[in-house]
Amino acid sequence: GDLEEGLADYPSASFDYVILSQTLPFVDNPGRIVHEMLRVGQQGIVSFSNWGYWRCRLHLLLTGRIPQAPDLPQPWYDTPRWQAFTITDFGRFCRQQNLTIDRQIYLAGDHPYTRRKFKNLLATTAIFALKNRQSQPPSMPE
């Protein structure tokens, strides 16, 4: 189905978790999608490529071209819609959307990136567990 319209078919609080994996940069209205996720599920899990990763920055600096995402198989022009953002951008988005970040996990390639410092520079992928500020859903499983 159509992600932009599909969640309207589900009643509120239908699921414990709703997962949006590597999709947020490709939707027309990310705020609406995330709020719909959190209406349908008690908690939303969002993952995305971090365009703040140092190799992406260096590639852009040296070549003047947008690099391929650090963890996606296709270049930007082979996607229907695309908006690059970073871990820092997503944190700001969550604050502006009045969302609570319940948990954050970062990857550097296939390995967990556990340090809090320099995550925007050294992590290739981010995974966030979100909730509305009004709700008190369970935490993301370990």
Protein backbone atom coordinates (compact mmCIF):
# COMPACT_ATOMS: atom_id res chain seq x y z
CA GLY A 1 0.00 0.00 0.00
CA ASP A 2 0.80 3.68 0.05
CA LEU A 3 2.68 4.68 3.19
CA GLU A 4 1.48 8.28 2.87
CA GLU A 5 -2.16 7.11 3.17
CA GLY A 6 -1.94 3.57 4.57
CA LEU A 7 -1.77 4.26 8.30
CA ALA A 8 -5.16 6.01 8.27
CA ASP A 9 -6.75 2.56 7.90
CA TYR A 10 -5.52 1.48 11.34
CA PRO A 11 -7.19 2.44 14.61
CA SER A 12 -5.18 4.27 17.27
CA ALA A 13 -2.96 2.13 19.51
CA SER A 14 -3.27 -0.92 17.23
CA PHE A 15 0.36 -1.98 17.70
CA ASP A 16 3.07 -1.88 20.34
CA TYR A 17 5.68 -0.83 17.75
CA VAL A 18 5.61 0.63 14.26
CA ILE A 19 8.88 0.44 12.31
CA LEU A 20 10.00 2.81 9.56
CA SER A 21 13.32 1.49 8.29
CA GLN A 22 15.41 3.53 5.82
CA THR A 23 12.27 5.25 4.50
CA LEU A 24 11.92 8.67 6.15
CA PRO A 25 14.17 10.52 3.63
CA PHE A 26 11.84 9.40 0.81
CA VAL A 27 8.41 10.53 2.08
CA ASP A 28 6.75 13.85 1.25
CA ASN A 29 5.68 14.74 4.79
CA PRO A 30 7.99 13.13 7.39
CA GLY A 31 6.31 14.87 10.34
CA ARG A 32 2.88 13.55 9.43
CA ILE A 33 4.21 10.03 8.87
CA VAL A 34 5.98 9.91 12.25
CA HIS A 35 2.93 11.28 14.10
CA GLU A 36 0.72 8.71 12.35
CA MET A 37 3.20 5.98 13.37
CA LEU A 38 2.86 7.09 16.97
CA ARG A 39 -0.92 7.25 16.75
CA VAL A 40 -1.11 3.68 15.44
CA GLY A 41 1.66 2.31 17.66
CA GLN A 42 2.67 3.00 21.22
CA GLN A 43 6.22 3.50 20.02
CA GLY A 44 7.86 4.17 16.65
CA ILE A 45 11.25 2.90 15.57
CA VAL A 46 12.92 4.93 12.82
CA SER A 47 16.22 4.09 11.11
CA PHE A 48 18.06 6.14 8.52
CA SER A 49 21.43 6.71 6.85
CA ASN A 50 23.47 9.43 8.54
CA TRP A 51 24.63 11.95 5.92
CA GLY A 52 26.81 13.58 8.56
CA TYR A 53 29.14 10.56 8.38
CA TRP A 54 32.71 11.72 7.74
CA ARG A 55 33.13 9.83 4.46
CA CYS A 56 29.98 11.48 3.04
CA ARG A 57 31.32 14.89 4.06
CA LEU A 58 34.75 14.20 2.60
CA HIS A 59 33.32 12.86 -0.67
CA LEU A 60 31.20 15.99 -1.11
CA LEU A 61 34.14 18.24 -0.25
CA LEU A 62 36.58 16.55 -2.63
CA THR A 63 34.30 15.76 -5.57
CA GLY A 64 31.51 18.32 -5.28
CA ARG A 65 29.02 15.45 -5.72
CA ILE A 66 26.52 13.90 -3.35
CA PRO A 67 27.89 10.49 -2.33
CA GLN A 68 25.93 7.27 -2.23
CA ALA A 69 24.40 6.67 1.20
CA PRO A 70 26.78 4.79 3.49
CA ASP A 71 24.33 1.90 3.88
CA LEU A 72 21.96 2.01 0.88
CA PRO A 73 22.55 0.22 -2.44
CA GLN A 74 21.34 2.92 -4.86
CA PRO A 75 22.53 6.44 -5.70
CA TRP A 76 20.31 9.41 -4.86
CA TYR A 77 19.03 9.84 -8.43
CA ASP A 78 17.58 6.30 -8.53
CA THR A 79 15.14 7.09 -5.73
CA PRO A 80 11.64 8.57 -6.19
CA ARG A 81 12.25 11.41 -3.72
CA TRP A 82 15.22 12.01 -1.52
CA GLN A 83 16.19 14.34 1.31
CA ALA A 84 19.53 13.91 3.05
CA PHE A 85 19.70 14.57 6.79
CA THR A 86 21.98 13.85 9.72
CA ILE A 87 21.62 12.54 13.26
CA THR A 88 21.76 16.13 14.49
CA ASP A 89 19.02 17.15 12.02
CA PHE A 90 16.80 14.30 13.20
CA GLY A 91 17.22 15.30 16.86
CA ARG A 92 16.12 18.83 15.98
CA PHE A 93 13.18 17.44 13.98
CA CYS A 94 12.07 15.43 17.04
CA ARG A 95 12.21 18.51 19.28
CA GLN A 96 10.25 20.59 16.76
CA GLN A 97 7.66 17.81 16.39
CA ASN A 98 7.35 17.47 20.18
CA LEU A 99 8.55 13.85 20.11
CA THR A 100 10.42 12.08 22.86
CA ILE A 101 13.48 10.05 21.92
CA ASP A 102 13.23 7.00 24.16
CA ARG A 103 16.37 5.27 22.92
CA GLN A 104 19.10 5.77 20.31
CA ILE A 105 21.32 3.16 18.68
CA TYR A 106 24.10 3.96 16.22
CA LEU A 107 26.00 1.76 13.80
CA ALA A 108 29.37 2.27 12.16
CA GLY A 109 29.04 -0.08 9.22
CA ASP A 110 27.88 -3.40 10.67
CA HIS A 111 29.18 -2.66 14.17
CA PRO A 112 27.53 -0.81 17.05
CA TYR A 113 28.88 2.66 17.70
CA THR A 114 28.55 3.01 21.46
CA ARG A 115 30.31 6.29 22.20
CA ARG A 116 28.08 9.34 22.55
CA LYS A 117 30.74 11.71 21.27
CA PHE A 118 31.08 12.32 17.54
CA LYS A 119 28.13 10.07 16.63
CA ASN A 120 27.08 12.51 13.89
CA LEU A 121 30.56 12.21 12.38
CA LEU A 122 31.35 8.50 12.89
CA ALA A 123 28.02 6.61 12.70
CA THR A 124 26.73 5.47 9.31
CA THR A 125 23.25 4.55 10.52
CA ALA A 126 20.95 5.74 13.30
CA ILE A 127 18.04 3.93 14.93
CA PHE A 128 15.68 5.89 17.17
CA ALA A 129 12.83 4.67 19.36
CA LEU A 130 10.27 7.49 19.58
CA LYS A 131 7.13 8.25 21.51
CA ASN A 132 4.75 11.15 21.86
CA ARG A 133 5.47 13.28 24.91
CA GLN A 134 1.97 12.56 26.21
CA SER A 135 2.20 8.75 26.06
CA GLN A 136 4.12 6.34 28.28
CA PRO A 137 4.76 3.28 26.07
CA PRO A 138 7.13 0.46 26.99
CA SER A 139 10.82 0.86 26.20
CA MET A 140 12.38 -0.69 23.11
CA PRO A 141 13.51 -4.27 23.85
CA GLU A 142 17.22 -4.81 24.46
